[in-house]
Amino acid sequence: MFGRNNNNRKYVDLIFQSRGKYPNLDPATSMEVGDYGFVTRDTAMFRKQGNLFKENLAQGLEKETGSRMGIVVMMAEGTKSFDAGGNIGVYVLQFQICYPFPIDTCRTIPGFAECSFKSRYSFSRGSGAALVMHQPIVTVINNQGNIKKLYQDGVLTKCQAVITQVFACPSYALLLGGKQGGDAMLGYRANSLPIGGHDVAVFSQVGWVGNTSSGEWQWAHDANERDVYFPLCVLGGISPRIGVQDLRNSPMPKDDEPDLLFPYPPPWGLLDEDGSEKIFVDHVPDDSDDEEVSWITLIEGRA
């Protein structure tokens, strides 16, 4: 995690707004499709309360695991990657393009020149965030529409979310940019290759290297290449984000997609550069706002 709850919340919010997916701020904590629970308001962490499959509540649901990918890069809208060709806010699959970097950069970051994956990021003031995964594999729940019956029958409450998609990988890196904006470099050494001449051979350590002019990187790598990290997931629910939908930019299911749950809304409104919630008053509530008030109250009450 990023040390302060406000930073955690800011990072989650930036990634969620760009793609409607939730970064896991403690990637070493296991996540599985079918887990249900809620996101805490203060820490921005998903708090698991159970699992539909393990509790025999997954009638009509199926798990499907995809193929292994290369490098997956996901960025907030305020972050640009020089290697991603300007694909802002879109995760890039099999990302292998490596642009040339200044010699000084390679000298400044030990081992950077030998990296098989090199990336360079520029982030604007207060809105820089990136998530990079090495060789992730994705598991999803098909037939998500069957989960809606659990809400209708009261097995799940309106404030609870279900994990419908999980990214698992052996290596990940998280970047949260500083409030003033800046630049960052990140490289990944996929193989322990000898560096130097024939007489002296220094083997570089497999994993991540990088630096940032503002903000901080966090990364981890499993030496045995096991899928022990779960840095990203999708949370689904049944609320169309009534009362907070104008504060969210993430995509919504179409009316002709009844088999998809709604994206689960973070339990906060607009955040400032420090990650503190802005005061937002839309209008004076009346009797027609009972649904809005009850939904926000449920979310806040659970967190």
Protein backbone atom coordinates (compact mmCIF):
# COMPACT_ATOMS: atom_id res chain seq x y z
CA MET A 1 0.00 0.00 0.00
CA PHE A 2 1.02 3.63 -0.39
CA GLY A 3 1.47 4.57 3.26
CA ARG A 4 -1.55 6.86 3.66
CA ASN A 5 -5.19 5.88 3.26
CA ASN A 6 -5.80 8.96 1.11
CA ASN A 7 -3.07 7.81 -1.31
CA ASN A 8 -4.61 4.33 -1.45
CA ARG A 9 -8.01 5.77 -2.20
CA LYS A 10 -6.60 8.12 -4.83
CA TYR A 11 -4.83 5.28 -6.66
CA VAL A 12 -7.89 3.03 -6.68
CA ASP A 13 -10.07 5.90 -7.86
CA LEU A 14 -7.78 6.84 -10.76
CA ILE A 15 -7.57 3.29 -12.10
CA PHE A 16 -11.27 2.62 -11.58
CA GLN A 17 -12.37 5.75 -13.40
CA SER A 18 -10.35 4.81 -16.49
CA ARG A 19 -11.43 1.16 -16.88
CA GLY A 20 -13.99 0.26 -14.21
CA LYS A 21 -11.56 -2.23 -12.62
CA TYR A 22 -10.29 -2.31 -9.05
CA PRO A 23 -6.56 -2.51 -8.24
CA ASN A 24 -5.76 -4.65 -5.23
CA LEU A 25 -3.49 -2.60 -2.96
CA ASP A 26 -2.28 -5.74 -1.22
CA PRO A 27 -1.63 -7.98 -4.25
CA ALA A 28 -0.18 -10.78 -2.11
CA THR A 29 -3.66 -11.26 -0.63
CA SER A 30 -5.43 -13.92 -2.67
CA MET A 31 -8.52 -13.04 -4.68
CA GLU A 32 -10.84 -15.51 -6.39
CA VAL A 33 -13.82 -15.09 -8.68
CA GLY A 34 -16.94 -15.56 -6.61
CA ASP A 35 -15.55 -13.74 -3.58
CA TYR A 36 -18.10 -11.28 -2.25
CA GLY A 37 -17.76 -8.38 0.16
CA PHE A 38 -17.31 -4.62 0.02
CA VAL A 39 -14.70 -1.90 -0.42
CA THR A 40 -13.81 0.00 2.75
CA ARG A 41 -14.24 3.72 2.61
CA ASP A 42 -11.06 4.59 4.48
CA THR A 43 -8.48 2.10 3.18
CA ALA A 44 -9.94 1.44 -0.32
CA MET A 45 -9.35 -2.27 0.27
CA PHE A 46 -11.78 -5.04 -0.68
CA ARG A 47 -12.97 -6.85 2.42
CA LYS A 48 -13.98 -10.42 1.64
CA GLN A 49 -17.02 -11.89 3.40
CA GLY A 50 -17.39 -15.19 1.56
CA ASN A 51 -17.22 -17.02 -1.78
CA LEU A 52 -20.20 -18.08 -3.89
CA PHE A 53 -18.54 -21.23 -5.22
CA LYS A 54 -17.27 -22.45 -1.84
CA GLU A 55 -20.68 -21.86 -0.25
CA ASN A 56 -22.60 -23.67 -3.02
CA LEU A 57 -24.30 -20.46 -4.10
CA ALA A 58 -22.98 -20.51 -7.66
CA GLN A 59 -25.81 -22.32 -9.44
CA GLY A 60 -25.61 -21.56 -13.15
CA LEU A 61 -22.21 -19.85 -12.84
CA GLU A 62 -19.12 -20.99 -14.69
CA LYS A 63 -15.44 -20.08 -14.31
CA GLU A 64 -13.27 -19.60 -17.37
CA THR A 65 -9.51 -18.99 -17.39
CA GLY A 66 -7.88 -17.36 -20.39
CA SER A 67 -4.47 -17.75 -21.96
CA ARG A 68 -1.27 -16.39 -20.49
CA MET A 69 -0.50 -12.84 -21.65
CA GLY A 70 2.78 -10.94 -21.97
CA ILE A 71 2.91 -7.49 -20.39
CA VAL A 72 -0.35 -5.76 -19.48
CA VAL A 73 -0.23 -2.02 -18.85
CA MET A 74 -3.17 -0.13 -17.37
CA MET A 75 -3.04 3.62 -16.89
CA ALA A 76 -5.21 6.36 -15.49
CA GLU A 77 -6.37 9.05 -17.88
CA GLY A 78 -3.78 11.49 -16.54
CA THR A 79 -0.89 9.16 -17.38
CA LYS A 80 0.82 8.75 -20.75
CA SER A 81 3.27 6.06 -21.77
CA PHE A 82 5.73 6.85 -24.55
CA ASP A 83 5.83 3.15 -25.42
CA ALA A 84 2.07 2.64 -25.61
CA GLY A 85 1.62 4.85 -28.64
CA GLY A 86 -0.66 7.23 -26.79
CA ASN A 87 -3.20 4.56 -25.78
CA ILE A 88 -4.22 6.40 -22.66
CA GLY A 89 -6.49 4.60 -20.24
CA VAL A 90 -6.43 1.35 -22.25
CA TYR A 91 -4.63 -1.74 -21.09
CA VAL A 92 -2.22 -3.02 -23.72
CA LEU A 93 -1.75 -6.74 -24.31
CA GLN A 94 1.51 -8.36 -25.42
CA PHE A 95 3.22 -5.01 -24.91
CA GLN A 96 6.75 -5.49 -26.22
CA ILE A 97 7.63 -2.20 -27.97
CA CYS A 98 10.87 -0.67 -26.63
CA TYR A 99 11.79 2.86 -27.66
CA PRO A 100 15.39 4.03 -27.29
CA PHE A 101 16.23 5.76 -24.03
CA PRO A 102 18.93 8.30 -23.25
CA ILE A 103 22.26 6.81 -22.23
CA ASP A 104 22.13 8.82 -19.00
CA THR A 105 18.90 7.08 -18.04
CA CYS A 106 20.44 3.65 -18.46
CA ARG A 107 23.38 4.69 -16.30
CA THR A 108 21.18 6.21 -13.62
CA ILE A 109 19.05 3.07 -13.12
CA PRO A 110 21.27 0.02 -12.54
CA GLY A 111 20.27 -2.83 -14.83
CA PHE A 112 17.84 -0.74 -16.89
CA ALA A 113 19.81 -1.11 -20.12
CA GLU A 114 19.55 -4.90 -19.89
CA CYS A 115 15.78 -4.95 -19.39
CA SER A 116 13.71 -6.76 -22.02
CA PHE A 117 10.77 -4.44 -21.22
CA LYS A 118 11.33 -0.70 -20.88
CA SER A 119 8.62 1.89 -20.32
CA ARG A 120 8.56 5.61 -19.69
CA TYR A 121 5.62 7.50 -18.21
CA SER A 122 4.55 11.12 -17.99
CA PHE A 123 1.76 12.02 -15.60
CA SER A 124 -0.12 15.24 -15.10
CA ARG A 125 -0.66 17.03 -11.82
CA GLY A 126 -2.48 14.91 -9.27
CA SER A 127 -3.69 12.29 -11.73
CA GLY A 128 -0.83 9.87 -12.38
CA ALA A 129 -1.34 6.16 -11.85
CA ALA A 130 -0.23 3.00 -13.64
CA LEU A 131 -0.47 -0.74 -13.08
CA VAL A 132 1.89 -3.08 -14.94
CA MET A 133 1.53 -6.88 -14.84
CA HIS A 134 3.99 -9.43 -16.20
CA GLN A 135 2.46 -12.56 -17.75
CA PRO A 136 -0.95 -12.29 -16.11
CA ILE A 137 -3.68 -14.83 -16.52
CA VAL A 138 -7.35 -13.87 -16.18
CA THR A 139 -10.22 -15.87 -14.71
CA VAL A 140 -13.79 -14.68 -15.24
CA ILE A 141 -17.32 -15.69 -14.27
CA ASN A 142 -19.62 -16.39 -17.17
CA ASN A 143 -23.41 -16.10 -16.92
CA GLN A 144 -23.17 -13.28 -14.39
CA GLY A 145 -26.88 -12.64 -14.75
CA ASN A 146 -27.48 -15.63 -12.45
CA ILE A 147 -25.87 -13.68 -9.61
CA LYS A 148 -28.73 -11.17 -9.72
CA LYS A 149 -31.08 -13.78 -8.26
CA LEU A 150 -28.91 -13.92 -5.14
CA TYR A 151 -29.54 -10.21 -4.65
CA GLN A 152 -33.25 -10.61 -5.32
CA ASP A 153 -33.50 -13.47 -2.80
CA GLY A 154 -31.63 -11.52 -0.13
CA VAL A 155 -28.60 -13.80 -0.09
CA LEU A 156 -26.51 -10.79 -1.11
CA THR A 157 -27.30 -7.25 -0.03
CA LYS A 158 -27.24 -4.20 -2.26
CA CYS A 159 -24.02 -2.91 -0.72
CA GLN A 160 -22.09 -6.10 -1.44
CA ALA A 161 -19.98 -6.71 -4.53
CA VAL A 162 -18.95 -9.93 -6.24
CA ILE A 163 -15.55 -10.44 -7.86
CA THR A 164 -16.35 -11.43 -11.43
CA GLN A 165 -12.85 -11.20 -12.91
CA VAL A 166 -9.37 -11.67 -11.42
CA PHE A 167 -5.89 -11.04 -12.82
CA ALA A 168 -3.20 -13.31 -11.34
CA CYS A 169 0.50 -12.97 -12.16
CA PRO A 170 4.04 -13.65 -10.90
CA SER A 171 5.14 -9.99 -11.12
CA TYR A 172 3.48 -6.59 -10.85
CA ALA A 173 4.36 -2.91 -10.47
CA LEU A 174 2.17 -0.05 -9.20
CA LEU A 175 2.85 3.65 -9.76
CA LEU A 176 1.15 6.52 -7.97
CA GLY A 177 2.32 9.87 -9.31
CA GLY A 178 2.96 12.86 -7.11
CA LYS A 179 0.69 15.87 -6.77
CA GLN A 180 2.95 18.01 -8.97
CA GLY A 181 3.07 15.55 -11.87
CA GLY A 182 6.33 14.29 -13.33
CA ASP A 183 7.96 11.38 -15.11
CA ALA A 184 8.80 7.79 -14.28
CA MET A 185 10.82 4.94 -15.77
CA LEU A 186 10.19 1.23 -15.39
CA GLY A 187 12.04 -1.79 -16.71
CA TYR A 188 11.65 -5.55 -16.34
CA ARG A 189 14.45 -8.09 -16.60
CA ALA A 190 12.89 -11.31 -17.79
CA ASN A 191 16.10 -13.39 -17.87
CA SER A 192 19.24 -13.51 -15.78
CA LEU A 193 21.71 -12.80 -18.57
CA PRO A 194 25.43 -12.17 -18.09
CA ILE A 195 26.51 -8.54 -18.27
CA GLY A 196 30.06 -7.50 -19.14
CA GLY A 197 32.99 -9.04 -21.00
CA HIS A 198 34.29 -12.57 -21.25
CA ASP A 199 36.50 -12.24 -18.19
CA VAL A 200 33.88 -10.80 -15.83
CA ALA A 201 30.23 -11.80 -15.95
CA VAL A 202 27.75 -10.18 -13.58
CA PHE A 203 24.28 -11.72 -13.63
CA SER A 204 21.41 -9.30 -13.28
CA GLN A 205 18.56 -10.13 -10.95
CA VAL A 206 15.24 -10.95 -12.57
CA GLY A 207 12.53 -8.43 -11.72
CA TRP A 208 11.72 -4.74 -11.81
CA VAL A 209 13.93 -1.65 -11.84
CA GLY A 210 12.88 1.97 -12.14
CA ASN A 211 12.57 5.40 -10.62
CA THR A 212 10.19 8.36 -10.57
CA SER A 213 10.67 12.11 -10.27
CA SER A 214 7.48 12.41 -8.23
CA GLY A 215 5.38 9.81 -6.46
CA GLU A 216 6.38 6.21 -5.81
CA TRP A 217 6.67 2.77 -7.37
CA GLN A 218 5.77 -0.45 -5.62
CA TRP A 219 6.58 -3.81 -7.17
CA ALA A 220 7.16 -7.47 -6.42
CA HIS A 221 8.35 -10.56 -8.31
CA ASP A 222 8.07 -14.25 -7.46
CA ALA A 223 11.39 -15.98 -8.12
CA ASN A 224 9.60 -19.23 -9.00
CA GLU A 225 7.28 -17.53 -11.52
CA ARG A 226 4.15 -18.57 -9.62
CA ASP A 227 0.86 -16.69 -9.84
CA VAL A 228 1.03 -15.47 -6.25
CA TYR A 229 -0.06 -11.87 -6.88
CA PHE A 230 -3.57 -10.61 -7.61
CA PRO A 231 -3.18 -6.91 -8.48
CA LEU A 232 -6.46 -6.35 -10.32
CA CYS A 233 -10.08 -7.46 -10.28
CA VAL A 234 -13.55 -6.51 -11.46
CA LEU A 235 -16.29 -5.99 -8.88
CA GLY A 236 -19.91 -6.28 -9.92
CA GLY A 237 -23.17 -5.41 -8.21
CA ILE A 238 -26.79 -4.63 -8.98
CA SER A 239 -26.91 -0.88 -8.37
CA PRO A 240 -26.58 1.43 -11.39
CA ARG A 241 -24.68 3.82 -9.09
CA ILE A 242 -27.75 5.89 -8.22
CA GLY A 243 -26.69 9.03 -6.44
CA VAL A 244 -23.02 8.79 -7.48
CA GLN A 245 -23.22 7.89 -11.16
CA ASP A 246 -22.47 11.47 -12.24
CA LEU A 247 -19.20 11.26 -10.32
CA ARG A 248 -17.96 8.13 -12.09
CA ASN A 249 -16.51 7.89 -15.59
CA SER A 250 -16.27 4.10 -15.83
CA PRO A 251 -18.25 2.25 -18.53
CA MET A 252 -21.75 1.00 -17.79
CA PRO A 253 -23.41 -2.17 -19.10
CA LYS A 254 -25.75 -1.60 -22.02
CA ASP A 255 -29.46 -2.27 -21.68
CA ASP A 256 -29.12 -5.24 -24.03
CA GLU A 257 -26.47 -6.90 -21.80
CA PRO A 258 -28.61 -8.48 -19.07
CA ASP A 259 -25.90 -11.02 -18.25
CA LEU A 260 -23.53 -8.37 -16.87
CA LEU A 261 -23.61 -6.85 -13.42
CA PHE A 262 -23.17 -3.12 -12.91
CA PRO A 263 -19.69 -1.88 -11.95
CA TYR A 264 -19.55 -1.64 -8.17
CA PRO A 265 -19.10 2.04 -7.17
CA PRO A 266 -16.31 3.12 -4.82
CA PRO A 267 -17.81 4.30 -1.51
CA TRP A 268 -16.73 7.90 -2.00
CA GLY A 269 -17.43 10.83 -4.31
CA LEU A 270 -15.01 13.12 -6.13
CA LEU A 271 -11.52 13.26 -4.62
CA ASP A 272 -9.10 16.17 -4.57
CA GLU A 273 -5.37 15.91 -5.32
CA ASP A 274 -4.72 14.71 -1.78
CA GLY A 275 -7.27 11.90 -2.04
CA SER A 276 -9.68 13.64 0.32
CA GLU A 277 -13.35 13.60 -0.62
CA LYS A 278 -14.75 16.84 -1.97
CA ILE A 279 -17.99 18.21 -0.56
CA PHE A 280 -20.65 17.64 -3.19
CA VAL A 281 -24.24 18.84 -2.96
CA ASP A 282 -26.40 18.05 -5.97
CA HIS A 283 -29.82 19.15 -4.72
CA VAL A 284 -32.04 19.09 -1.66
CA PRO A 285 -33.33 15.50 -1.21
CA ASP A 286 -37.05 14.82 -1.38
CA ASP A 287 -39.17 11.67 -1.17
CA SER A 288 -38.00 10.55 -4.60
CA ASP A 289 -34.41 10.36 -3.29
CA ASP A 290 -35.02 7.52 -0.84
CA GLU A 291 -33.24 5.09 -3.16
CA GLU A 292 -30.21 7.34 -3.42
CA VAL A 293 -29.96 7.95 0.31
CA SER A 294 -30.39 4.28 1.20
CA TRP A 295 -27.71 3.18 -1.29
CA ILE A 296 -25.10 5.68 -0.08
CA THR A 297 -25.96 4.93 3.53
CA LEU A 298 -25.51 1.20 2.95
CA ILE A 299 -22.12 1.73 1.36
CA GLU A 300 -20.88 4.04 4.07
CA GLY A 301 -22.32 1.88 6.81
CA ARG A 302 -20.49 -1.19 5.56
CA ALA A 303 -17.16 0.61 5.30
